[in-house]
Amino acid sequence: MKSKNNENNTRNNEEMMMILYKKMRRVIETSAVVVFSLGSECCMCHVAKHLLFGLGVAPTVVELDSSGDIATALHHLTGGDEKAVPAIFVGGKLLGGIESLMASHINGSLVPLLKEAGALWL
């Protein structure tokens, strides 16, 4: 009986993970900019959001805890990147973490990317 319950729990967890993954994918695809963040726990998340807000971008911010289903789904969305937070998506595509965001800002490619995604109009 335990084996049957374990199989059902595993199947239910997999189904819930797939639903969560699809919802997260939908948010990414329908928002110009999405930042997955650990909120006040993560100073790099704060830096990423502050930079985007400073540029006049209003990203969709998804605050999550460091463990659990959302973190697991995010791990899959970022291709298994161990440093997945903050995870910044622009125009439905993964830009990367704080390093990629800062590098694209410094080299001048961030603003055109944000304009192309519809996050900036100027």
PDB file of N, CA and C in Angstrom:
ATOM      1  N   MET A   1       0.819  -1.209   0.000  1.00  0.00           N
ATOM      2  CA  MET A   1       0.000   0.000   0.000  1.00  0.00           C
ATOM      3  C   MET A   1       0.862   1.272   0.000  1.00  0.00           C
ATOM      4  N   LYS A   2       1.977   1.230   0.749  1.00  0.00           N
ATOM      5  CA  LYS A   2       2.857   2.392   0.780  1.00  0.00           C
ATOM      6  C   LYS A   2       3.425   2.686  -0.599  1.00  0.00           C
ATOM      7  N   SER A   3       3.754   1.650  -1.334  1.00  0.00           N
ATOM      8  CA  SER A   3       4.312   1.834  -2.665  1.00  0.00           C
ATOM      9  C   SER A   3       3.327   2.547  -3.581  1.00  0.00           C
ATOM     10  N   LYS A   4       2.063   2.177  -3.508  1.00  0.00           N
ATOM     11  CA  LYS A   4       1.020   2.806  -4.320  1.00  0.00           C
ATOM     12  C   LYS A   4       0.868   4.283  -3.936  1.00  0.00           C
ATOM     13  N   ASN A   5       0.887   4.576  -2.637  1.00  0.00           N
ATOM     14  CA  ASN A   5       0.787   5.964  -2.178  1.00  0.00           C
ATOM     15  C   ASN A   5       1.995   6.772  -2.619  1.00  0.00           C
ATOM     16  N   ASN A   6       3.180   6.181  -2.549  1.00  0.00           N
ATOM     17  CA  ASN A   6       4.386   6.879  -2.993  1.00  0.00           C
ATOM     18  C   ASN A   6       4.330   7.191  -4.481  1.00  0.00           C
ATOM     19  N   GLU A   7       3.831   6.246  -5.274  1.00  0.00           N
ATOM     20  CA  GLU A   7       3.689   6.469  -6.714  1.00  0.00           C
ATOM     21  C   GLU A   7       2.708   7.594  -6.988  1.00  0.00           C
ATOM     22  N   ASN A   8       1.586   7.606  -6.258  1.00  0.00           N
ATOM     23  CA  ASN A   8       0.584   8.665  -6.429  1.00  0.00           C
ATOM     24  C   ASN A   8       1.150  10.019  -6.027  1.00  0.00           C
ATOM     25  N   ASN A   9       1.886  10.061  -4.917  1.00  0.00           N
ATOM     26  CA  ASN A   9       2.491  11.320  -4.476  1.00  0.00           C
ATOM     27  C   ASN A   9       3.512  11.823  -5.483  1.00  0.00           C
ATOM     28  N   THR A  10       4.319  10.916  -6.004  1.00  0.00           N
ATOM     29  CA  THR A  10       5.311  11.293  -7.006  1.00  0.00           C
ATOM     30  C   THR A  10       4.637  11.834  -8.256  1.00  0.00           C
ATOM     31  N   ARG A  11       3.594  11.164  -8.708  1.00  0.00           N
ATOM     32  CA  ARG A  11       2.861  11.602  -9.898  1.00  0.00           C
ATOM     33  C   ARG A  11       2.218  12.956  -9.648  1.00  0.00           C
ATOM     34  N   ASN A  12       1.611  13.152  -8.472  1.00  0.00           N
ATOM     35  CA  ASN A  12       0.985  14.434  -8.143  1.00  0.00           C
ATOM     36  C   ASN A  12       2.024  15.552  -8.089  1.00  0.00           C
ATOM     37  N   ASN A  13       3.186  15.257  -7.495  1.00  0.00           N
ATOM     38  CA  ASN A  13       4.250  16.262  -7.438  1.00  0.00           C
ATOM     39  C   ASN A  13       4.743  16.628  -8.825  1.00  0.00           C
ATOM     40  N   GLU A  14       4.887  15.656  -9.688  1.00  0.00           N
ATOM     41  CA  GLU A  14       5.326  15.919 -11.058  1.00  0.00           C
ATOM     42  C   GLU A  14       4.296  16.748 -11.814  1.00  0.00           C
ATOM     43  N   GLU A  15       3.016  16.442 -11.616  1.00  0.00           N
ATOM     44  CA  GLU A  15       1.958  17.212 -12.268  1.00  0.00           C
ATOM     45  C   GLU A  15       1.934  18.649 -11.764  1.00  0.00           C
ATOM     46  N   MET A  16       2.091  18.827 -10.455  1.00  0.00           N
ATOM     47  CA  MET A  16       2.106  20.174  -9.881  1.00  0.00           C
ATOM     48  C   MET A  16       3.321  20.954 -10.380  1.00  0.00           C
ATOM     49  N   MET A  17       4.449  20.279 -10.492  1.00  0.00           N
ATOM     50  CA  MET A  17       5.659  20.930 -10.995  1.00  0.00           C
ATOM     51  C   MET A  17       5.460  21.364 -12.444  1.00  0.00           C
ATOM     52  N   MET A  18       4.825  20.540 -13.244  1.00  0.00           N
ATOM     53  CA  MET A  18       4.575  20.885 -14.646  1.00  0.00           C
ATOM     54  C   MET A  18       3.615  22.073 -14.747  1.00  0.00           C
ATOM     55  N   ILE A  19       2.599  22.111 -13.921  1.00  0.00           N
ATOM     56  CA  ILE A  19       1.662  23.241 -13.906  1.00  0.00           C
ATOM     57  C   ILE A  19       2.398  24.520 -13.517  1.00  0.00           C
ATOM     58  N   LEU A  20       3.206  24.438 -12.473  1.00  0.00           N
ATOM     59  CA  LEU A  20       3.974  25.592 -12.017  1.00  0.00           C
ATOM     60  C   LEU A  20       4.940  26.060 -13.098  1.00  0.00           C
ATOM     61  N   TYR A  21       5.624  25.142 -13.731  1.00  0.00           N
ATOM     62  CA  TYR A  21       6.555  25.459 -14.811  1.00  0.00           C
ATOM     63  C   TYR A  21       5.830  26.188 -15.941  1.00  0.00           C
ATOM     64  N   LYS A  22       4.658  25.687 -16.329  1.00  0.00           N
ATOM     65  CA  LYS A  22       3.886  26.310 -17.411  1.00  0.00           C
ATOM     66  C   LYS A  22       3.439  27.720 -17.026  1.00  0.00           C
ATOM     67  N   LYS A  23       3.030  27.912 -15.766  1.00  0.00           N
ATOM     68  CA  LYS A  23       2.613  29.243 -15.308  1.00  0.00           C
ATOM     69  C   LYS A  23       3.789  30.215 -15.340  1.00  0.00           C
ATOM     70  N   MET A  24       4.934  29.753 -14.884  1.00  0.00           N
ATOM     71  CA  MET A  24       6.121  30.609 -14.900  1.00  0.00           C
ATOM     72  C   MET A  24       6.523  30.934 -16.331  1.00  0.00           C
ATOM     73  N   ARG A  25       6.451  29.953 -17.208  1.00  0.00           N
ATOM     74  CA  ARG A  25       6.776  30.160 -18.618  1.00  0.00           C
ATOM     75  C   ARG A  25       5.822  31.190 -19.229  1.00  0.00           C
ATOM     76  N   ARG A  26       4.539  31.134 -18.865  1.00  0.00           N
ATOM     77  CA  ARG A  26       3.548  32.083 -19.377  1.00  0.00           C
ATOM     78  C   ARG A  26       3.866  33.501 -18.914  1.00  0.00           C
ATOM     79  N   VAL A  27       4.254  33.655 -17.653  1.00  0.00           N
ATOM     80  CA  VAL A  27       4.634  34.976 -17.147  1.00  0.00           C
ATOM     81  C   VAL A  27       5.827  35.505 -17.929  1.00  0.00           C
ATOM     82  N   ILE A  28       6.810  34.659 -18.163  1.00  0.00           N
ATOM     83  CA  ILE A  28       8.008  35.061 -18.897  1.00  0.00           C
ATOM     84  C   ILE A  28       7.664  35.470 -20.324  1.00  0.00           C
ATOM     85  N   GLU A  29       6.782  34.719 -20.960  1.00  0.00           N
ATOM     86  CA  GLU A  29       6.438  34.984 -22.363  1.00  0.00           C
ATOM     87  C   GLU A  29       5.540  36.201 -22.550  1.00  0.00           C
ATOM     88  N   THR A  30       4.776  36.572 -21.514  1.00  0.00           N
ATOM     89  CA  THR A  30       3.832  37.673 -21.654  1.00  0.00           C
ATOM     90  C   THR A  30       4.305  38.982 -21.018  1.00  0.00           C
ATOM     91  N   SER A  31       5.471  38.976 -20.419  1.00  0.00           N
ATOM     92  CA  SER A  31       6.021  40.177 -19.781  1.00  0.00           C
ATOM     93  C   SER A  31       7.290  40.593 -20.507  1.00  0.00           C
ATOM     94  N   ALA A  32       7.465  41.899 -20.664  1.00  0.00           N
ATOM     95  CA  ALA A  32       8.670  42.390 -21.344  1.00  0.00           C
ATOM     96  C   ALA A  32       9.919  42.041 -20.542  1.00  0.00           C
ATOM     97  N   VAL A  33       9.853  42.212 -19.229  1.00  0.00           N
ATOM     98  CA  VAL A  33      10.986  41.920 -18.353  1.00  0.00           C
ATOM     99  C   VAL A  33      10.463  41.237 -17.098  1.00  0.00           C
ATOM    100  N   VAL A  34      11.107  40.143 -16.727  1.00  0.00           N
ATOM    101  CA  VAL A  34      10.751  39.414 -15.509  1.00  0.00           C
ATOM    102  C   VAL A  34      12.018  39.210 -14.690  1.00  0.00           C
ATOM    103  N   VAL A  35      11.907  39.485 -13.398  1.00  0.00           N
ATOM    104  CA  VAL A  35      13.009  39.249 -12.470  1.00  0.00           C
ATOM    105  C   VAL A  35      12.523  38.274 -11.413  1.00  0.00           C
ATOM    106  N   PHE A  36      13.194  37.128 -11.327  1.00  0.00           N
ATOM    107  CA  PHE A  36      12.941  36.189 -10.242  1.00  0.00           C
ATOM    108  C   PHE A  36      13.916  36.546  -9.137  1.00  0.00           C
ATOM    109  N   SER A  37      13.389  36.822  -7.962  1.00  0.00           N
ATOM    110  CA  SER A  37      14.171  37.414  -6.888  1.00  0.00           C
ATOM    111  C   SER A  37      13.911  36.710  -5.557  1.00  0.00           C
ATOM    112  N   LEU A  38      14.888  36.813  -4.666  1.00  0.00           N
ATOM    113  CA  LEU A  38      14.712  36.323  -3.298  1.00  0.00           C
ATOM    114  C   LEU A  38      14.320  37.453  -2.357  1.00  0.00           C
ATOM    115  N   GLY A  39      13.916  38.568  -2.906  1.00  0.00           N
ATOM    116  CA  GLY A  39      13.466  39.686  -2.094  1.00  0.00           C
ATOM    117  C   GLY A  39      14.586  40.291  -1.284  1.00  0.00           C
ATOM    118  N   SER A  40      14.304  40.615  -0.033  1.00  0.00           N
ATOM    119  CA  SER A  40      15.278  41.296   0.810  1.00  0.00           C
ATOM    120  C   SER A  40      16.433  40.392   1.233  1.00  0.00           C
ATOM    121  N   GLU A  41      16.318  39.095   0.989  1.00  0.00           N
ATOM    122  CA  GLU A  41      17.387  38.160   1.347  1.00  0.00           C
ATOM    123  C   GLU A  41      18.592  38.283   0.424  1.00  0.00           C
ATOM    124  N   CYS A  42      18.419  38.863  -0.737  1.00  0.00           N
ATOM    125  CA  CYS A  42      19.454  38.816  -1.774  1.00  0.00           C
ATOM    126  C   CYS A  42      19.814  40.231  -2.225  1.00  0.00           C
ATOM    127  N   CYS A  43      21.034  40.662  -1.893  1.00  0.00           N
ATOM    128  CA  CYS A  43      21.438  42.021  -2.273  1.00  0.00           C
ATOM    129  C   CYS A  43      21.584  42.151  -3.786  1.00  0.00           C
ATOM    130  N   MET A  44      21.975  41.084  -4.481  1.00  0.00           N
ATOM    131  CA  MET A  44      22.119  41.152  -5.937  1.00  0.00           C
ATOM    132  C   MET A  44      20.753  41.286  -6.620  1.00  0.00           C
ATOM    133  N   CYS A  45      19.734  40.693  -6.025  1.00  0.00           N
ATOM    134  CA  CYS A  45      18.373  40.860  -6.540  1.00  0.00           C
ATOM    135  C   CYS A  45      17.952  42.316  -6.420  1.00  0.00           C
ATOM    136  N   HIS A  46      18.285  42.932  -5.301  1.00  0.00           N
ATOM    137  CA  HIS A  46      17.976  44.349  -5.084  1.00  0.00           C
ATOM    138  C   HIS A  46      18.687  45.205  -6.126  1.00  0.00           C
ATOM    139  N   VAL A  47      19.952  44.907  -6.387  1.00  0.00           N
ATOM    140  CA  VAL A  47      20.722  45.662  -7.380  1.00  0.00           C
ATOM    141  C   VAL A  47      20.086  45.535  -8.764  1.00  0.00           C
ATOM    142  N   ALA A  48      19.702  44.320  -9.137  1.00  0.00           N
ATOM    143  CA  ALA A  48      19.093  44.095 -10.457  1.00  0.00           C
ATOM    144  C   ALA A  48      17.798  44.889 -10.597  1.00  0.00           C
ATOM    145  N   LYS A  49      16.936  44.808  -9.595  1.00  0.00           N
ATOM    146  CA  LYS A  49      15.665  45.537  -9.655  1.00  0.00           C
ATOM    147  C   LYS A  49      15.907  47.042  -9.657  1.00  0.00           C
ATOM    148  N   HIS A  50      16.835  47.505  -8.842  1.00  0.00           N
ATOM    149  CA  HIS A  50      17.131  48.936  -8.757  1.00  0.00           C
ATOM    150  C   HIS A  50      17.650  49.470 -10.090  1.00  0.00           C
ATOM    151  N   LEU A  51      18.522  48.712 -10.748  1.00  0.00           N
ATOM    152  CA  LEU A  51      19.035  49.127 -12.058  1.00  0.00           C
ATOM    153  C   LEU A  51      17.903  49.238 -13.073  1.00  0.00           C
ATOM    154  N   LEU A  52      17.056  48.226 -13.130  1.00  0.00           N
ATOM    155  CA  LEU A  52      15.947  48.244 -14.093  1.00  0.00           C
ATOM    156  C   LEU A  52      14.975  49.383 -13.799  1.00  0.00           C
ATOM    157  N   PHE A  53      14.605  49.560 -12.528  1.00  0.00           N
ATOM    158  CA  PHE A  53      13.715  50.666 -12.164  1.00  0.00           C
ATOM    159  C   PHE A  53      14.362  52.003 -12.509  1.00  0.00           C
ATOM    160  N   GLY A  54      15.675  52.121 -12.281  1.00  0.00           N
ATOM    161  CA  GLY A  54      16.392  53.355 -12.581  1.00  0.00           C
ATOM    162  C   GLY A  54      16.402  53.691 -14.061  1.00  0.00           C
ATOM    163  N   LEU A  55      16.336  52.665 -14.894  1.00  0.00           N
ATOM    164  CA  LEU A  55      16.283  52.880 -16.340  1.00  0.00           C
ATOM    165  C   LEU A  55      14.862  53.193 -16.821  1.00  0.00           C
ATOM    166  N   GLY A  56      13.897  53.103 -15.924  1.00  0.00           N
ATOM    167  CA  GLY A  56      12.504  53.363 -16.286  1.00  0.00           C
ATOM    168  C   GLY A  56      11.728  52.121 -16.663  1.00  0.00           C
ATOM    169  N   VAL A  57      12.278  50.949 -16.351  1.00  0.00           N
ATOM    170  CA  VAL A  57      11.614  49.684 -16.646  1.00  0.00           C
ATOM    171  C   VAL A  57      10.805  49.266 -15.425  1.00  0.00           C
ATOM    172  N   ALA A  58       9.606  48.783 -15.670  1.00  0.00           N
ATOM    173  CA  ALA A  58       8.769  48.237 -14.598  1.00  0.00           C
ATOM    174  C   ALA A  58       8.690  46.724 -14.795  1.00  0.00           C
ATOM    175  N   PRO A  59       9.690  45.996 -14.297  1.00  0.00           N
ATOM    176  CA  PRO A  59       9.690  44.552 -14.523  1.00  0.00           C
ATOM    177  C   PRO A  59       8.622  43.842 -13.708  1.00  0.00           C
ATOM    178  N   THR A  60       8.215  42.701 -14.193  1.00  0.00           N
ATOM    179  CA  THR A  60       7.397  41.812 -13.387  1.00  0.00           C
ATOM    180  C   THR A  60       8.363  41.128 -12.436  1.00  0.00           C
ATOM    181  N   VAL A  61       8.136  41.279 -11.140  1.00  0.00           N
ATOM    182  CA  VAL A  61       9.029  40.708 -10.142  1.00  0.00           C
ATOM    183  C   VAL A  61       8.331  39.542  -9.472  1.00  0.00           C
ATOM    184  N   VAL A  62       8.984  38.387  -9.496  1.00  0.00           N
ATOM    185  CA  VAL A  62       8.465  37.194  -8.840  1.00  0.00           C
ATOM    186  C   VAL A  62       9.374  36.913  -7.657  1.00  0.00           C
ATOM    187  N   GLU A  63       8.846  37.154  -6.456  1.00  0.00           N
ATOM    188  CA  GLU A  63       9.611  36.902  -5.238  1.00  0.00           C
ATOM    189  C   GLU A  63       9.413  35.444  -4.847  1.00  0.00           C
ATOM    190  N   LEU A  64      10.501  34.774  -4.537  1.00  0.00           N
ATOM    191  CA  LEU A  64      10.398  33.373  -4.166  1.00  0.00           C
ATOM    192  C   LEU A  64      11.317  33.072  -3.006  1.00  0.00           C
ATOM    193  N   ASP A  65      11.086  31.931  -2.397  1.00  0.00           N
ATOM    194  CA  ASP A  65      11.998  31.512  -1.349  1.00  0.00           C
ATOM    195  C   ASP A  65      13.079  30.647  -1.983  1.00  0.00           C
ATOM    196  N   SER A  66      14.149  30.412  -1.238  1.00  0.00           N
ATOM    197  CA  SER A  66      15.312  29.738  -1.822  1.00  0.00           C
ATOM    198  C   SER A  66      15.125  28.243  -1.990  1.00  0.00           C
ATOM    199  N   SER A  67      14.056  27.706  -1.485  1.00  0.00           N
ATOM    200  CA  SER A  67      13.806  26.274  -1.660  1.00  0.00           C
ATOM    201  C   SER A  67      12.380  26.093  -2.147  1.00  0.00           C
ATOM    202  N   GLY A  68      12.044  24.895  -2.486  1.00  0.00           N
ATOM    203  CA  GLY A  68      10.676  24.612  -2.874  1.00  0.00           C
ATOM    204  C   GLY A  68      10.482  24.490  -4.363  1.00  0.00           C
ATOM    205  N   ASP A  69       9.215  24.376  -4.739  1.00  0.00           N
ATOM    206  CA  ASP A  69       8.857  24.081  -6.115  1.00  0.00           C
ATOM    207  C   ASP A  69       9.203  25.194  -7.087  1.00  0.00           C
ATOM    208  N   ILE A  70       9.010  26.451  -6.677  1.00  0.00           N
ATOM    209  CA  ILE A  70       9.305  27.559  -7.588  1.00  0.00           C
ATOM    210  C   ILE A  70      10.797  27.595  -7.897  1.00  0.00           C
ATOM    211  N   ALA A  71      11.622  27.392  -6.881  1.00  0.00           N
ATOM    212  CA  ALA A  71      13.066  27.376  -7.104  1.00  0.00           C
ATOM    213  C   ALA A  71      13.460  26.228  -8.034  1.00  0.00           C
ATOM    214  N   THR A  72      12.824  25.089  -7.885  1.00  0.00           N
ATOM    215  CA  THR A  72      13.110  23.943  -8.749  1.00  0.00           C
ATOM    216  C   THR A  72      12.694  24.237 -10.183  1.00  0.00           C
ATOM    217  N   ALA A  73      11.511  24.812 -10.366  1.00  0.00           N
ATOM    218  CA  ALA A  73      11.052  25.160 -11.709  1.00  0.00           C
ATOM    219  C   ALA A  73      11.968  26.212 -12.330  1.00  0.00           C
ATOM    220  N   LEU A  74      12.402  27.180 -11.535  1.00  0.00           N
ATOM    221  CA  LEU A  74      13.312  28.207 -12.033  1.00  0.00           C
ATOM    222  C   LEU A  74      14.634  27.590 -12.453  1.00  0.00           C
ATOM    223  N   HIS A  75      15.086  26.619 -11.704  1.00  0.00           N
ATOM    224  CA  HIS A  75      16.320  25.907 -12.048  1.00  0.00           C
ATOM    225  C   HIS A  75      16.206  25.304 -13.445  1.00  0.00           C
ATOM    226  N   HIS A  76      15.041  24.756 -13.779  1.00  0.00           N
ATOM    227  CA  HIS A  76      14.819  24.185 -15.108  1.00  0.00           C
ATOM    228  C   HIS A  76      14.703  25.280 -16.177  1.00  0.00           C
ATOM    229  N   LEU A  77      14.060  26.385 -15.840  1.00  0.00           N
ATOM    230  CA  LEU A  77      13.888  27.476 -16.798  1.00  0.00           C
ATOM    231  C   LEU A  77      15.216  28.133 -17.172  1.00  0.00           C
ATOM    232  N   THR A  78      16.158  28.112 -16.255  1.00  0.00           N
ATOM    233  CA  THR A  78      17.450  28.748 -16.516  1.00  0.00           C
ATOM    234  C   THR A  78      18.476  27.759 -17.049  1.00  0.00           C
ATOM    235  N   GLY A  79      18.037  26.578 -17.383  1.00  0.00           N
ATOM    236  CA  GLY A  79      18.949  25.588 -17.937  1.00  0.00           C
ATOM    237  C   GLY A  79      19.859  24.959 -16.906  1.00  0.00           C
ATOM    238  N   GLY A  80      19.424  24.962 -15.652  1.00  0.00           N
ATOM    239  CA  GLY A  80      20.202  24.326 -14.597  1.00  0.00           C
ATOM    240  C   GLY A  80      21.289  25.199 -14.023  1.00  0.00           C
ATOM    241  N   ASP A  81      21.217  26.503 -14.258  1.00  0.00           N
ATOM    242  CA  ASP A  81      22.216  27.422 -13.726  1.00  0.00           C
ATOM    243  C   ASP A  81      22.148  27.406 -12.206  1.00  0.00           C
ATOM    244  N   GLU A  82      23.263  27.113 -11.559  1.00  0.00           N
ATOM    245  CA  GLU A  82      23.305  27.045 -10.103  1.00  0.00           C
ATOM    246  C   GLU A  82      23.090  28.417  -9.466  1.00  0.00           C
ATOM    247  N   LYS A  83      23.502  29.476 -10.161  1.00  0.00           N
ATOM    248  CA  LYS A  83      23.340  30.835  -9.640  1.00  0.00           C
ATOM    249  C   LYS A  83      22.110  31.446 -10.288  1.00  0.00           C
ATOM    250  N   ALA A  84      20.964  30.838 -10.051  1.00  0.00           N
ATOM    251  CA  ALA A  84      19.757  31.192 -10.789  1.00  0.00           C
ATOM    252  C   ALA A  84      19.079  32.461 -10.296  1.00  0.00           C
ATOM    253  N   VAL A  85      19.453  32.985  -9.152  1.00  0.00           N
ATOM    254  CA  VAL A  85      18.753  34.149  -8.625  1.00  0.00           C
ATOM    255  C   VAL A  85      19.743  35.271  -8.399  1.00  0.00           C
ATOM    256  N   PRO A  86      19.483  36.465  -8.871  1.00  0.00           N
ATOM    257  CA  PRO A  86      18.315  36.823  -9.651  1.00  0.00           C
ATOM    258  C   PRO A  86      18.401  36.247 -11.061  1.00  0.00           C
ATOM    259  N   ALA A  87      17.271  35.902 -11.584  1.00  0.00           N
ATOM    260  CA  ALA A  87      17.177  35.443 -12.966  1.00  0.00           C
ATOM    261  C   ALA A  87      16.371  36.487 -13.723  1.00  0.00           C
ATOM    262  N   ILE A  88      16.969  37.037 -14.759  1.00  0.00           N
ATOM    263  CA  ILE A  88      16.329  38.113 -15.508  1.00  0.00           C
ATOM    264  C   ILE A  88      16.011  37.616 -16.913  1.00  0.00           C
ATOM    265  N   PHE A  89      14.738  37.757 -17.272  1.00  0.00           N
ATOM    266  CA  PHE A  89      14.265  37.394 -18.604  1.00  0.00           C
ATOM    267  C   PHE A  89      13.834  38.679 -19.303  1.00  0.00           C
ATOM    268  N   VAL A  90      14.289  38.860 -20.529  1.00  0.00           N
ATOM    269  CA  VAL A  90      13.927  40.038 -21.325  1.00  0.00           C
ATOM    270  C   VAL A  90      13.371  39.542 -22.651  1.00  0.00           C
ATOM    271  N   GLY A  91      12.176  39.984 -22.966  1.00  0.00           N
ATOM    272  CA  GLY A  91      11.559  39.579 -24.226  1.00  0.00           C
ATOM    273  C   GLY A  91      11.329  38.080 -24.323  1.00  0.00           C
ATOM    274  N   GLY A  92      11.070  37.454 -23.210  1.00  0.00           N
ATOM    275  CA  GLY A  92      10.785  36.022 -23.196  1.00  0.00           C
ATOM    276  C   GLY A  92      12.009  35.133 -23.190  1.00  0.00           C
ATOM    277  N   LYS A  93      13.196  35.740 -23.174  1.00  0.00           N
ATOM    278  CA  LYS A  93      14.433  34.969 -23.210  1.00  0.00           C
ATOM    279  C   LYS A  93      15.263  35.257 -21.967  1.00  0.00           C
ATOM    280  N   LEU A  94      15.994  34.262 -21.522  1.00  0.00           N
ATOM    281  CA  LEU A  94      16.852  34.433 -20.360  1.00  0.00           C
ATOM    282  C   LEU A  94      18.027  35.339 -20.701  1.00  0.00           C
ATOM    283  N   LEU A  95      18.106  36.477 -20.014  1.00  0.00           N
ATOM    284  CA  LEU A  95      19.278  37.334 -20.135  1.00  0.00           C
ATOM    285  C   LEU A  95      20.393  36.750 -19.266  1.00  0.00           C
ATOM    286  N   GLY A  96      20.020  36.295 -18.082  1.00  0.00           N
ATOM    287  CA  GLY A  96      20.984  35.707 -17.157  1.00  0.00           C
ATOM    288  C   GLY A  96      20.795  36.268 -15.765  1.00  0.00           C
ATOM    289  N   GLY A  97      21.869  36.257 -15.020  1.00  0.00           N
ATOM    290  CA  GLY A  97      21.848  36.771 -13.662  1.00  0.00           C
ATOM    291  C   GLY A  97      22.379  38.188 -13.601  1.00  0.00           C
ATOM    292  N   ILE A  98      22.826  38.568 -12.417  1.00  0.00           N
ATOM    293  CA  ILE A  98      23.302  39.929 -12.205  1.00  0.00           C
ATOM    294  C   ILE A  98      24.518  40.242 -13.065  1.00  0.00           C
ATOM    295  N   GLU A  99      25.390  39.251 -13.271  1.00  0.00           N
ATOM    296  CA  GLU A  99      26.585  39.491 -14.079  1.00  0.00           C
ATOM    297  C   GLU A  99      26.213  39.846 -15.519  1.00  0.00           C
ATOM    298  N   SER A 100      25.280  39.111 -16.085  1.00  0.00           N
ATOM    299  CA  SER A 100      24.844  39.372 -17.465  1.00  0.00           C
ATOM    300  C   SER A 100      24.125  40.710 -17.573  1.00  0.00           C
ATOM    301  N   LEU A 101      23.312  41.018 -16.573  1.00  0.00           N
ATOM    302  CA  LEU A 101      22.591  42.293 -16.573  1.00  0.00           C
ATOM    303  C   LEU A 101      23.575  43.452 -16.523  1.00  0.00           C
ATOM    304  N   MET A 102      24.536  43.382 -15.604  1.00  0.00           N
ATOM    305  CA  MET A 102      25.506  44.467 -15.464  1.00  0.00           C
ATOM    306  C   MET A 102      26.401  44.573 -16.700  1.00  0.00           C
ATOM    307  N   ALA A 103      26.829  43.440 -17.231  1.00  0.00           N
ATOM    308  CA  ALA A 103      27.688  43.457 -18.417  1.00  0.00           C
ATOM    309  C   ALA A 103      26.968  44.090 -19.601  1.00  0.00           C
ATOM    310  N   SER A 104      25.697  43.732 -19.790  1.00  0.00           N
ATOM    311  CA  SER A 104      24.955  44.308 -20.920  1.00  0.00           C
ATOM    312  C   SER A 104      24.683  45.797 -20.701  1.00  0.00           C
ATOM    313  N   HIS A 105      24.542  46.201 -19.455  1.00  0.00           N
ATOM    314  CA  HIS A 105      24.367  47.624 -19.159  1.00  0.00           C
ATOM    315  C   HIS A 105      25.663  48.383 -19.463  1.00  0.00           C
ATOM    316  N   ILE A 106      26.776  47.844 -19.020  1.00  0.00           N
ATOM    317  CA  ILE A 106      28.073  48.506 -19.218  1.00  0.00           C
ATOM    318  C   ILE A 106      28.458  48.566 -20.693  1.00  0.00           C
ATOM    319  N   ASN A 107      28.207  47.484 -21.436  1.00  0.00           N
ATOM    320  CA  ASN A 107      28.619  47.490 -22.850  1.00  0.00           C
ATOM    321  C   ASN A 107      27.599  48.170 -23.766  1.00  0.00           C
ATOM    322  N   GLY A 108      26.495  48.658 -23.208  1.00  0.00           N
ATOM    323  CA  GLY A 108      25.526  49.430 -23.982  1.00  0.00           C
ATOM    324  C   GLY A 108      24.461  48.621 -24.700  1.00  0.00           C
ATOM    325  N   SER A 109      24.425  47.323 -24.487  1.00  0.00           N
ATOM    326  CA  SER A 109      23.439  46.505 -25.200  1.00  0.00           C
ATOM    327  C   SER A 109      22.117  46.348 -24.443  1.00  0.00           C
ATOM    328  N   LEU A 110      22.078  46.765 -23.177  1.00  0.00           N
ATOM    329  CA  LEU A 110      20.864  46.558 -22.381  1.00  0.00           C
ATOM    330  C   LEU A 110      19.704  47.429 -22.854  1.00  0.00           C
ATOM    331  N   VAL A 111      19.924  48.701 -23.030  1.00  0.00           N
ATOM    332  CA  VAL A 111      18.828  49.604 -23.416  1.00  0.00           C
ATOM    333  C   VAL A 111      18.219  49.202 -24.757  1.00  0.00           C
ATOM    334  N   PRO A 112      19.014  48.922 -25.793  1.00  0.00           N
ATOM    335  CA  PRO A 112      18.400  48.456 -27.047  1.00  0.00           C
ATOM    336  C   PRO A 112      17.612  47.148 -26.871  1.00  0.00           C
ATOM    337  N   LEU A 113      18.120  46.269 -26.031  1.00  0.00           N
ATOM    338  CA  LEU A 113      17.413  45.012 -25.764  1.00  0.00           C
ATOM    339  C   LEU A 113      16.079  45.271 -25.080  1.00  0.00           C
ATOM    340  N   LEU A 114      16.078  46.194 -24.130  1.00  0.00           N
ATOM    341  CA  LEU A 114      14.843  46.557 -23.424  1.00  0.00           C
ATOM    342  C   LEU A 114      13.852  47.238 -24.375  1.00  0.00           C
ATOM    343  N   LYS A 115      14.351  48.065 -25.262  1.00  0.00           N
ATOM    344  CA  LYS A 115      13.486  48.719 -26.260  1.00  0.00           C
ATOM    345  C   LYS A 115      12.864  47.688 -27.187  1.00  0.00           C
ATOM    346  N   GLU A 116      13.679  46.757 -27.645  1.00  0.00           N
ATOM    347  CA  GLU A 116      13.191  45.708 -28.542  1.00  0.00           C
ATOM    348  C   GLU A 116      12.108  44.853 -27.880  1.00  0.00           C
ATOM    349  N   ALA A 117      12.246  44.637 -26.571  1.00  0.00           N
ATOM    350  CA  ALA A 117      11.281  43.832 -25.829  1.00  0.00           C
ATOM    351  C   ALA A 117      10.013  44.608 -25.495  1.00  0.00           C
ATOM    352  N   GLY A 118      10.030  45.929 -25.709  1.00  0.00           N
ATOM    353  CA  GLY A 118       8.860  46.753 -25.402  1.00  0.00           C
ATOM    354  C   GLY A 118       8.831  47.246 -23.969  1.00  0.00           C
ATOM    355  N   ALA A 119       9.968  47.173 -23.273  1.00  0.00           N
ATOM    356  CA  ALA A 119      10.021  47.613 -21.890  1.00  0.00           C
ATOM    357  C   ALA A 119      10.373  49.097 -21.783  1.00  0.00           C
ATOM    358  N   LEU A 120      10.950  49.658 -22.838  1.00  0.00           N
ATOM    359  CA  LEU A 120      11.303  51.074 -22.901  1.00  0.00           C
ATOM    360  C   LEU A 120      10.802  51.652 -24.214  1.00  0.00           C
ATOM    361  N   TRP A 121      10.404  52.919 -24.168  1.00  0.00           N
ATOM    362  CA  TRP A 121       9.893  53.556 -25.387  1.00  0.00           C
ATOM    363  C   TRP A 121      10.742  54.736 -25.804  1.00  0.00           C
ATOM    364  N   LEU A 122      11.688  55.144 -25.005  1.00  0.00           N
ATOM    365  CA  LEU A 122      12.500  56.329 -25.311  1.00  0.00           C
ATOM    366  C   LEU A 122      13.732  55.967 -26.097  1.00  0.00           C
TER     367      LEU A 122
END
